[in-house]
C-alpha cells in the first residue's frame, strides 16, 4: 500500500509531473521499493536546476506515485475540449486564487491570466505583470502596454486580434525580475494556454520570456533575428516594450524583428515602423 504523502510534497510532485507533461513526456514508471521512489522524487523537487539541462525533445522517464495521477489528469481537463475559449476558461479555473509560490504572499492583488483572441495566429509573451496590470487584472495595460499596442498597430493588427500573456501571472514585489522557481511554478499554465490557442507564431518579449521558453541562457543578441521551433510553433524574440521605453534607439531593431514575424504570417509590411 502506498504511503500517505505530505500535502506540500504532493503538490510539488504534481507540479513536477505537469512540467514534464508540458515537455511532451507522458510515460512514467514506478520504482521499487516505495522508499526509493519517494526519495528520487524528493531529489527531483529540490533540485530544479536540472531542468535547464533538458530540452523540449528530451526523452526521459520519471516516477509518479499513484496518488498524484488523478490530480495531474484533472489539471489537464482542457485537453478534452476543442474550443479554445472553453479550454482557456478551464485553465483559469484550475489556477484559481493561486498560492503555489511565494508571490501569493508578497502583495499581489490578483491573477493576471491573459487577454486577446483565443484563436489568435500571433501570441505575445512578456515577463510579469506590473502595478497597472496587477490593479486591472490584464497584461500590458501600463506605459509598456501602450507601446506594445503601438507595435501591434504598426503590424497592421489590433490588440483584439492577438493574444497577450506573461511567463508568470502575479506581480513580483517592486516589479523585480521573477525568480527562477517562480517561473518554473507558473509557466506550465502558460504552456497550456499556448497549447489551447495554437498560434502560428509567438513573440517572446525580453530576456526572461526568451530564456524561460527556450531554456537557453544567452544574451538577446543571440536570440534576435532568427526563428526557434517551440513545440511545433515558430517563436521569435524581440525587446520588451519596457526596455524600449528606457532605450528608444532600439525601436528600429524591434521593427526588424516584427517585420520578420509579419512576413511569416503573410502580413503586408508598411513603410512606417514602431513609434
C-alpha atoms as a PDB file:
ATOM      1  CA  UNK A   1       0.000   0.000   0.000  1.00  0.00           C
ATOM      2  CA  UNK A   2       1.352   3.402  -0.900  1.00  0.00           C
ATOM      3  CA  UNK A   3       2.277   5.659   1.982  1.00  0.00           C
ATOM      4  CA  UNK A   4       0.438   8.886   2.754  1.00  0.00           C
ATOM      5  CA  UNK A   5       2.167  11.855   1.162  1.00  0.00           C
ATOM      6  CA  UNK A   6       2.626  15.197   2.836  1.00  0.00           C
ATOM      7  CA  UNK A   7       0.239  17.668   1.104  1.00  0.00           C
ATOM      8  CA  UNK A   8       3.060  20.078   0.283  1.00  0.00           C
ATOM      9  CA  UNK A   9       5.154  17.308  -1.254  1.00  0.00           C
ATOM     10  CA  UNK A  10       2.113  16.026  -3.123  1.00  0.00           C
ATOM     11  CA  UNK A  11       1.582  19.448  -4.682  1.00  0.00           C
ATOM     12  CA  UNK A  12       5.273  19.676  -5.608  1.00  0.00           C
ATOM     13  CA  UNK A  13       5.129  16.248  -7.210  1.00  0.00           C
ATOM     14  CA  UNK A  14       2.055  17.183  -9.212  1.00  0.00           C
ATOM     15  CA  UNK A  15       3.721  20.383 -10.428  1.00  0.00           C
ATOM     16  CA  UNK A  16       6.788  18.389 -11.478  1.00  0.00           C
ATOM     17  CA  UNK A  17       4.642  15.928 -13.431  1.00  0.00           C
ATOM     18  CA  UNK A  18       2.736  18.788 -15.058  1.00  0.00           C
ATOM     19  CA  UNK A  19       6.083  20.302 -16.072  1.00  0.00           C
ATOM     20  CA  UNK A  20       7.128  17.027 -17.729  1.00  0.00           C
ATOM     21  CA  UNK A  21       3.754  16.788 -19.471  1.00  0.00           C
ATOM     22  CA  UNK A  22       4.292  20.245 -20.954  1.00  0.00           C
ATOM     23  CA  UNK A  23       7.607  18.985 -22.333  1.00  0.00           C
ATOM     24  CA  UNK A  24       5.722  16.198 -24.066  1.00  0.00           C
ATOM     25  CA  UNK A  25       6.697  13.485 -21.557  1.00  0.00           C
ATOM     26  CA  UNK A  26       3.782  11.295 -20.514  1.00  0.00           C
ATOM     27  CA  UNK A  27       5.346   7.908 -19.743  1.00  0.00           C
ATOM     28  CA  UNK A  28       6.107   7.365 -16.076  1.00  0.00           C
ATOM     29  CA  UNK A  29       7.405   4.286 -14.307  1.00  0.00           C
ATOM     30  CA  UNK A  30       7.184   3.162 -10.721  1.00  0.00           C
ATOM     31  CA  UNK A  31      10.419   2.327  -8.959  1.00  0.00           C
ATOM     32  CA  UNK A  32      10.502  -0.182  -6.114  1.00  0.00           C
ATOM     33  CA  UNK A  33      10.780  -0.107  -3.209  1.00  0.00           C
ATOM     34  CA  UNK A  34       8.424   2.749  -2.398  1.00  0.00           C
ATOM     35  CA  UNK A  35      11.066   4.474  -0.251  1.00  0.00           C
ATOM     36  CA  UNK A  36      13.387   4.704  -3.246  1.00  0.00           C
ATOM     37  CA  UNK A  37      10.580   6.130  -5.350  1.00  0.00           C
ATOM     38  CA  UNK A  38       9.817   8.856  -2.822  1.00  0.00           C
ATOM     39  CA  UNK A  39      13.499   9.657  -2.357  1.00  0.00           C
ATOM     40  CA  UNK A  40      14.035  10.046  -6.093  1.00  0.00           C
ATOM     41  CA  UNK A  41      11.090  12.407  -6.466  1.00  0.00           C
ATOM     42  CA  UNK A  42      12.178  14.458  -3.451  1.00  0.00           C
ATOM     43  CA  UNK A  43      15.605  14.881  -5.046  1.00  0.00           C
ATOM     44  CA  UNK A  44      13.926  15.981  -8.278  1.00  0.00           C
ATOM     45  CA  UNK A  45      11.762  18.511  -6.460  1.00  0.00           C
ATOM     46  CA  UNK A  46      14.612  20.133  -4.515  1.00  0.00           C
ATOM     47  CA  UNK A  47      16.994  20.269  -7.492  1.00  0.00           C
ATOM     48  CA  UNK A  48      15.170  22.315 -10.144  1.00  0.00           C
ATOM     49  CA  UNK A  49      18.466  23.355 -11.715  1.00  0.00           C
ATOM     50  CA  UNK A  50      18.452  20.048 -13.563  1.00  0.00           C
ATOM     51  CA  UNK A  51      15.618  21.364 -15.699  1.00  0.00           C
ATOM     52  CA  UNK A  52      17.959  23.646 -17.614  1.00  0.00           C
ATOM     53  CA  UNK A  53      19.727  20.601 -18.974  1.00  0.00           C
ATOM     54  CA  UNK A  54      16.521  19.314 -20.540  1.00  0.00           C
ATOM     55  CA  UNK A  55      15.266  20.204 -23.998  1.00  0.00           C
ATOM     56  CA  UNK A  56      11.669  20.099 -25.234  1.00  0.00           C
ATOM     57  CA  UNK A  57      12.602  16.987 -27.219  1.00  0.00           C
ATOM     58  CA  UNK A  58      14.222  15.200 -24.284  1.00  0.00           C
ATOM     59  CA  UNK A  59      13.264  11.561 -23.829  1.00  0.00           C
ATOM     60  CA  UNK A  60      13.137  10.558 -20.202  1.00  0.00           C
ATOM     61  CA  UNK A  61      11.026   8.864 -17.602  1.00  0.00           C
ATOM     62  CA  UNK A  62      10.273   9.752 -14.030  1.00  0.00           C
ATOM     63  CA  UNK A  63       8.408   8.212 -11.145  1.00  0.00           C
ATOM     64  CA  UNK A  64       4.897   9.215 -10.186  1.00  0.00           C
ATOM     65  CA  UNK A  65       3.081   7.914  -7.111  1.00  0.00           C
ATOM     66  CA  UNK A  66      -0.387   6.583  -7.870  1.00  0.00           C
ATOM     67  CA  UNK A  67      -1.879   9.198  -5.544  1.00  0.00           C
ATOM     68  CA  UNK A  68      -0.901  12.014  -7.938  1.00  0.00           C
ATOM     69  CA  UNK A  69      -2.217  10.621 -11.205  1.00  0.00           C
ATOM     70  CA  UNK A  70      -5.765  11.864 -10.639  1.00  0.00           C
ATOM     71  CA  UNK A  71      -4.577  15.352  -9.735  1.00  0.00           C
ATOM     72  CA  UNK A  72      -2.462  15.524 -12.900  1.00  0.00           C
ATOM     73  CA  UNK A  73      -5.396  14.301 -15.012  1.00  0.00           C
ATOM     74  CA  UNK A  74      -7.655  16.964 -13.527  1.00  0.00           C
ATOM     75  CA  UNK A  75      -5.031  19.624 -14.259  1.00  0.00           C
ATOM     76  CA  UNK A  76      -5.316  18.839 -17.971  1.00  0.00           C
ATOM     77  CA  UNK A  77      -9.111  18.931 -18.126  1.00  0.00           C
ATOM     78  CA  UNK A  78      -8.958  21.293 -21.119  1.00  0.00           C
ATOM     79  CA  UNK A  79      -7.473  18.524 -23.257  1.00  0.00           C
ATOM     80  CA  UNK A  80     -10.971  17.077 -23.579  1.00  0.00           C
ATOM     81  CA  UNK A  81     -12.383  20.201 -25.289  1.00  0.00           C
ATOM     82  CA  UNK A  82     -11.721  21.600 -28.767  1.00  0.00           C
ATOM     83  CA  UNK A  83     -12.975  25.157 -28.276  1.00  0.00           C
ATOM     84  CA  UNK A  84     -10.004  27.328 -27.217  1.00  0.00           C
ATOM     85  CA  UNK A  85     -12.266  29.743 -25.353  1.00  0.00           C
ATOM     86  CA  UNK A  86     -13.570  26.945 -23.183  1.00  0.00           C
ATOM     87  CA  UNK A  87     -10.081  25.479 -22.805  1.00  0.00           C
ATOM     88  CA  UNK A  88      -8.731  28.796 -21.539  1.00  0.00           C
ATOM     89  CA  UNK A  89     -11.627  29.055 -19.098  1.00  0.00           C
ATOM     90  CA  UNK A  90     -10.785  25.613 -17.689  1.00  0.00           C
ATOM     91  CA  UNK A  91      -7.131  26.555 -17.316  1.00  0.00           C
ATOM     92  CA  UNK A  92      -8.104  29.745 -15.480  1.00  0.00           C
ATOM     93  CA  UNK A  93     -10.362  27.759 -13.178  1.00  0.00           C
ATOM     94  CA  UNK A  94      -7.517  25.361 -12.461  1.00  0.00           C
ATOM     95  CA  UNK A  95      -5.252  28.247 -11.453  1.00  0.00           C
ATOM     96  CA  UNK A  96      -7.855  29.541  -9.024  1.00  0.00           C
ATOM     97  CA  UNK A  97      -6.640  32.050  -6.443  1.00  0.00           C
ATOM     98  CA  UNK A  98      -3.159  30.594  -6.818  1.00  0.00           C
ATOM     99  CA  UNK A  99      -0.914  30.083  -3.784  1.00  0.00           C
ATOM    100  CA  UNK A 100       1.622  27.796  -5.476  1.00  0.00           C
ATOM    101  CA  UNK A 101       4.576  30.145  -4.986  1.00  0.00           C
ATOM    102  CA  UNK A 102       5.675  32.927  -2.654  1.00  0.00           C
ATOM    103  CA  UNK A 103       4.211  35.700  -4.811  1.00  0.00           C
ATOM    104  CA  UNK A 104       0.750  34.983  -3.428  1.00  0.00           C
ATOM    105  CA  UNK A 105       2.001  36.294  -0.069  1.00  0.00           C
ATOM    106  CA  UNK A 106       4.055  39.209  -1.352  1.00  0.00           C
ATOM    107  CA  UNK A 107       1.410  41.776  -2.146  1.00  0.00           C
ATOM    108  CA  UNK A 108      -0.100  40.718  -5.450  1.00  0.00           C
ATOM    109  CA  UNK A 109      -3.722  41.828  -5.799  1.00  0.00           C
ATOM    110  CA  UNK A 110      -4.930  39.325  -8.390  1.00  0.00           C
ATOM    111  CA  UNK A 111      -4.026  36.781 -11.047  1.00  0.00           C
ATOM    112  CA  UNK A 112      -3.245  38.315 -14.449  1.00  0.00           C
ATOM    113  CA  UNK A 113      -4.183  35.460 -16.740  1.00  0.00           C
ATOM    114  CA  UNK A 114      -4.042  36.714 -20.333  1.00  0.00           C
ATOM    115  CA  UNK A 115      -6.132  38.621 -22.834  1.00  0.00           C
ATOM    116  CA  UNK A 116      -6.993  38.579 -26.510  1.00  0.00           C
ATOM    117  CA  UNK A 117      -8.289  36.347 -29.250  1.00  0.00           C
ATOM    118  CA  UNK A 118      -8.417  32.660 -28.183  1.00  0.00           C
ATOM    119  CA  UNK A 119      -7.910  31.751 -31.856  1.00  0.00           C
ATOM    120  CA  UNK A 120      -5.092  34.220 -32.455  1.00  0.00           C
ATOM    121  CA  UNK A 121      -2.417  33.438 -35.013  1.00  0.00           C
ATOM    122  CA  UNK A 122       0.046  35.608 -33.097  1.00  0.00           C
ATOM    123  CA  UNK A 123       0.832  35.490 -29.384  1.00  0.00           C
ATOM    124  CA  UNK A 124       2.997  37.901 -27.390  1.00  0.00           C
ATOM    125  CA  UNK A 125       4.555  36.672 -24.165  1.00  0.00           C
ATOM    126  CA  UNK A 126       6.128  39.037 -21.667  1.00  0.00           C
ATOM    127  CA  UNK A 127       7.766  38.697 -18.297  1.00  0.00           C
ATOM    128  CA  UNK A 128       5.384  39.513 -15.442  1.00  0.00           C
ATOM    129  CA  UNK A 129       2.563  41.878 -14.513  1.00  0.00           C
ATOM    130  CA  UNK A 130       3.435  45.341 -13.239  1.00  0.00           C
ATOM    131  CA  UNK A 131       1.494  47.613 -10.914  1.00  0.00           C
ATOM    132  CA  UNK A 132      -1.080  48.672 -13.521  1.00  0.00           C
ATOM    133  CA  UNK A 133      -1.601  45.092 -14.650  1.00  0.00           C
ATOM    134  CA  UNK A 134      -1.965  43.889 -11.064  1.00  0.00           C
ATOM    135  CA  UNK A 135      -4.551  46.584 -10.464  1.00  0.00           C
ATOM    136  CA  UNK A 136      -6.592  45.925 -13.624  1.00  0.00           C
ATOM    137  CA  UNK A 137      -6.062  42.170 -13.982  1.00  0.00           C
ATOM    138  CA  UNK A 138      -4.945  42.437 -17.610  1.00  0.00           C
ATOM    139  CA  UNK A 139      -1.427  42.159 -19.071  1.00  0.00           C
ATOM    140  CA  UNK A 140       0.315  45.114 -20.699  1.00  0.00           C
ATOM    141  CA  UNK A 141      -2.012  47.975 -19.790  1.00  0.00           C
ATOM    142  CA  UNK A 142       0.570  50.461 -18.434  1.00  0.00           C
ATOM    143  CA  UNK A 143       3.116  52.504 -20.370  1.00  0.00           C
ATOM    144  CA  UNK A 144       4.800  49.381 -21.724  1.00  0.00           C
ATOM    145  CA  UNK A 145       1.376  48.123 -22.745  1.00  0.00           C
ATOM    146  CA  UNK A 146       0.666  51.302 -24.678  1.00  0.00           C
ATOM    147  CA  UNK A 147       3.907  50.819 -26.583  1.00  0.00           C
ATOM    148  CA  UNK A 148       3.032  47.180 -27.246  1.00  0.00           C
ATOM    149  CA  UNK A 149      -0.298  48.369 -28.645  1.00  0.00           C
ATOM    150  CA  UNK A 150       1.628  50.658 -30.999  1.00  0.00           C
ATOM    151  CA  UNK A 151       3.831  47.746 -32.041  1.00  0.00           C
ATOM    152  CA  UNK A 152       0.763  45.645 -32.808  1.00  0.00           C
ATOM    153  CA  UNK A 153      -0.858  48.529 -34.699  1.00  0.00           C
ATOM    154  CA  UNK A 154       2.303  49.026 -36.753  1.00  0.00           C
ATOM    155  CA  UNK A 155       1.957  45.397 -37.835  1.00  0.00           C
ATOM    156  CA  UNK A 156      -1.496  46.160 -39.211  1.00  0.00           C
ATOM    157  CA  UNK A 157      -3.245  44.340 -36.356  1.00  0.00           C
ATOM    158  CA  UNK A 158      -5.381  45.250 -33.383  1.00  0.00           C
ATOM    159  CA  UNK A 159      -4.811  44.251 -29.785  1.00  0.00           C
ATOM    160  CA  UNK A 160      -8.006  42.207 -30.057  1.00  0.00           C
ATOM    161  CA  UNK A 161      -6.501  40.173 -32.910  1.00  0.00           C
ATOM    162  CA  UNK A 162      -3.606  38.750 -30.896  1.00  0.00           C
ATOM    163  CA  UNK A 163      -3.253  37.024 -27.536  1.00  0.00           C
ATOM    164  CA  UNK A 164      -1.084  38.522 -24.782  1.00  0.00           C
ATOM    165  CA  UNK A 165       0.215  36.782 -21.684  1.00  0.00           C
ATOM    166  CA  UNK A 166       3.213  36.642 -19.354  1.00  0.00           C
ATOM    167  CA  UNK A 167       5.566  33.969 -18.067  1.00  0.00           C
ATOM    168  CA  UNK A 168       4.190  34.463 -14.559  1.00  0.00           C
ATOM    169  CA  UNK A 169       0.742  35.659 -13.596  1.00  0.00           C
ATOM    170  CA  UNK A 170       1.410  37.536 -10.359  1.00  0.00           C
ATOM    171  CA  UNK A 171       3.233  40.823  -9.874  1.00  0.00           C
ATOM    172  CA  UNK A 172       6.620  40.408  -8.169  1.00  0.00           C
ATOM    173  CA  UNK A 173       7.106  42.926  -5.332  1.00  0.00           C
ATOM    174  CA  UNK A 174       8.604  46.159  -6.578  1.00  0.00           C
ATOM    175  CA  UNK A 175       8.381  44.854 -10.159  1.00  0.00           C
ATOM    176  CA  UNK A 176      11.565  42.865  -9.562  1.00  0.00           C
ATOM    177  CA  UNK A 177      12.666  40.211 -12.056  1.00  0.00           C
ATOM    178  CA  UNK A 178      10.815  36.919 -11.461  1.00  0.00           C
ATOM    179  CA  UNK A 179      12.842  34.287  -9.639  1.00  0.00           C
ATOM    180  CA  UNK A 180      13.636  31.072 -11.421  1.00  0.00           C
ATOM    181  CA  UNK A 181      11.442  28.892  -9.196  1.00  0.00           C
ATOM    182  CA  UNK A 182       8.534  31.305  -9.691  1.00  0.00           C
ATOM    183  CA  UNK A 183       8.862  30.948 -13.471  1.00  0.00           C
ATOM    184  CA  UNK A 184       9.070  27.167 -13.189  1.00  0.00           C
ATOM    185  CA  UNK A 185       5.974  27.016 -10.989  1.00  0.00           C
ATOM    186  CA  UNK A 186       3.835  29.311 -13.130  1.00  0.00           C
ATOM    187  CA  UNK A 187       4.994  28.720 -16.708  1.00  0.00           C
ATOM    188  CA  UNK A 188       3.252  25.313 -17.090  1.00  0.00           C
ATOM    189  CA  UNK A 189      -0.057  27.199 -17.090  1.00  0.00           C
ATOM    190  CA  UNK A 190       1.279  29.402 -19.885  1.00  0.00           C
ATOM    191  CA  UNK A 191       2.274  26.281 -21.823  1.00  0.00           C
ATOM    192  CA  UNK A 192      -1.301  25.052 -21.517  1.00  0.00           C
ATOM    193  CA  UNK A 193      -2.572  28.414 -22.788  1.00  0.00           C
ATOM    194  CA  UNK A 194      -0.283  28.135 -25.807  1.00  0.00           C
ATOM    195  CA  UNK A 195      -1.484  24.582 -26.452  1.00  0.00           C
ATOM    196  CA  UNK A 196      -5.110  25.746 -26.301  1.00  0.00           C
ATOM    197  CA  UNK A 197      -4.631  28.767 -28.594  1.00  0.00           C
ATOM    198  CA  UNK A 198      -2.279  27.074 -31.084  1.00  0.00           C
ATOM    199  CA  UNK A 199      -0.834  30.304 -32.524  1.00  0.00           C
ATOM    200  CA  UNK A 200       1.105  30.236 -35.771  1.00  0.00           C
ATOM    201  CA  UNK A 201       3.808  32.423 -34.247  1.00  0.00           C
ATOM    202  CA  UNK A 202       4.939  33.520 -30.800  1.00  0.00           C
ATOM    203  CA  UNK A 203       6.904  36.654 -29.982  1.00  0.00           C
ATOM    204  CA  UNK A 204       8.844  36.465 -26.733  1.00  0.00           C
ATOM    205  CA  UNK A 205       9.313  39.924 -25.271  1.00  0.00           C
ATOM    206  CA  UNK A 206      12.581  40.331 -23.420  1.00  0.00           C
ATOM    207  CA  UNK A 207      15.223  38.134 -21.851  1.00  0.00           C
ATOM    208  CA  UNK A 208      13.153  36.492 -19.109  1.00  0.00           C
ATOM    209  CA  UNK A 209      10.457  35.299 -21.508  1.00  0.00           C
ATOM    210  CA  UNK A 210      13.028  34.141 -24.051  1.00  0.00           C
ATOM    211  CA  UNK A 211      15.219  32.226 -21.609  1.00  0.00           C
ATOM    212  CA  UNK A 212      12.260  30.615 -19.883  1.00  0.00           C
ATOM    213  CA  UNK A 213      10.519  29.469 -23.049  1.00  0.00           C
ATOM    214  CA  UNK A 214      13.636  28.295 -24.851  1.00  0.00           C
ATOM    215  CA  UNK A 215      15.568  27.032 -21.801  1.00  0.00           C
ATOM    216  CA  UNK A 216      18.655  28.724 -23.217  1.00  0.00           C
ATOM    217  CA  UNK A 217      20.813  31.100 -21.193  1.00  0.00           C
ATOM    218  CA  UNK A 218      22.052  33.513 -23.833  1.00  0.00           C
ATOM    219  CA  UNK A 219      22.139  37.272 -24.480  1.00  0.00           C
ATOM    220  CA  UNK A 220      19.424  38.941 -26.522  1.00  0.00           C
ATOM    221  CA  UNK A 221      21.837  39.360 -29.431  1.00  0.00           C
ATOM    222  CA  UNK A 222      21.866  35.583 -29.888  1.00  0.00           C
ATOM    223  CA  UNK A 223      18.080  35.278 -29.700  1.00  0.00           C
ATOM    224  CA  UNK A 224      17.042  38.020 -32.092  1.00  0.00           C
ATOM    225  CA  UNK A 225      16.780  37.819 -35.870  1.00  0.00           C
ATOM    226  CA  UNK A 226      16.039  34.113 -36.108  1.00  0.00           C
ATOM    227  CA  UNK A 227      13.217  31.644 -35.680  1.00  0.00           C
ATOM    228  CA  UNK A 228      13.093  28.981 -32.997  1.00  0.00           C
ATOM    229  CA  UNK A 229      10.972  25.853 -33.117  1.00  0.00           C
ATOM    230  CA  UNK A 230       8.870  25.893 -29.968  1.00  0.00           C
ATOM    231  CA  UNK A 231       6.824  22.685 -29.836  1.00  0.00           C
ATOM    232  CA  UNK A 232       5.924  22.948 -33.484  1.00  0.00           C
ATOM    233  CA  UNK A 233       5.264  26.702 -33.320  1.00  0.00           C
ATOM    234  CA  UNK A 234       7.657  29.321 -34.644  1.00  0.00           C
ATOM    235  CA  UNK A 235       8.994  31.617 -31.935  1.00  0.00           C
ATOM    236  CA  UNK A 236      10.786  34.935 -32.433  1.00  0.00           C
ATOM    237  CA  UNK A 237      12.436  37.145 -29.836  1.00  0.00           C
ATOM    238  CA  UNK A 238      12.477  40.902 -29.548  1.00  0.00           C
ATOM    239  CA  UNK A 239      12.977  43.572 -26.906  1.00  0.00           C
ATOM    240  CA  UNK A 240      10.465  44.066 -24.117  1.00  0.00           C
ATOM    241  CA  UNK A 241       8.464  47.299 -24.502  1.00  0.00           C
ATOM    242  CA  UNK A 242       9.622  48.398 -21.035  1.00  0.00           C
ATOM    243  CA  UNK A 243      13.210  48.222 -22.285  1.00  0.00           C
ATOM    244  CA  UNK A 244      12.279  50.266 -25.355  1.00  0.00           C
ATOM    245  CA  UNK A 245      10.892  52.969 -23.080  1.00  0.00           C
ATOM    246  CA  UNK A 246      14.319  53.183 -21.460  1.00  0.00           C
ATOM    247  CA  UNK A 247      16.217  52.959 -24.744  1.00  0.00           C
ATOM    248  CA  UNK A 248      14.061  54.177 -27.677  1.00  0.00           C
ATOM    249  CA  UNK A 249      17.010  53.731 -30.042  1.00  0.00           C
ATOM    250  CA  UNK A 250      16.251  50.006 -30.115  1.00  0.00           C
ATOM    251  CA  UNK A 251      12.828  50.555 -31.702  1.00  0.00           C
ATOM    252  CA  UNK A 252      14.374  50.228 -35.149  1.00  0.00           C
ATOM    253  CA  UNK A 253      15.792  46.850 -34.224  1.00  0.00           C
ATOM    254  CA  UNK A 254      12.449  45.803 -32.791  1.00  0.00           C
ATOM    255  CA  UNK A 255      10.745  46.798 -36.035  1.00  0.00           C
ATOM    256  CA  UNK A 256      13.106  44.477 -37.907  1.00  0.00           C
ATOM    257  CA  UNK A 257      12.047  41.626 -35.630  1.00  0.00           C
ATOM    258  CA  UNK A 258       8.368  42.404 -36.142  1.00  0.00           C
ATOM    259  CA  UNK A 259       8.809  42.566 -39.908  1.00  0.00           C
ATOM    260  CA  UNK A 260      10.228  39.048 -39.791  1.00  0.00           C
ATOM    261  CA  UNK A 261       7.092  37.941 -37.948  1.00  0.00           C
ATOM    262  CA  UNK A 262       4.804  39.762 -40.378  1.00  0.00           C
ATOM    263  CA  UNK A 263       6.469  38.080 -43.325  1.00  0.00           C
ATOM    264  CA  UNK A 264       5.908  34.680 -41.724  1.00  0.00           C
ATOM    265  CA  UNK A 265       2.219  35.471 -41.139  1.00  0.00           C
ATOM    266  CA  UNK A 266       1.732  36.867 -44.652  1.00  0.00           C
ATOM    267  CA  UNK A 267       1.028  40.409 -43.436  1.00  0.00           C
ATOM    268  CA  UNK A 268       1.737  43.466 -45.573  1.00  0.00           C
ATOM    269  CA  UNK A 269       4.721  45.415 -44.310  1.00  0.00           C
ATOM    270  CA  UNK A 270       4.092  49.180 -44.144  1.00  0.00           C
ATOM    271  CA  UNK A 271       6.892  51.682 -44.540  1.00  0.00           C
ATOM    272  CA  UNK A 272       6.243  53.214 -41.143  1.00  0.00           C
ATOM    273  CA  UNK A 273       7.623  51.364 -38.115  1.00  0.00           C
ATOM    274  CA  UNK A 274       7.126  51.460 -34.361  1.00  0.00           C
ATOM    275  CA  UNK A 275       6.756  54.927 -32.862  1.00  0.00           C
END
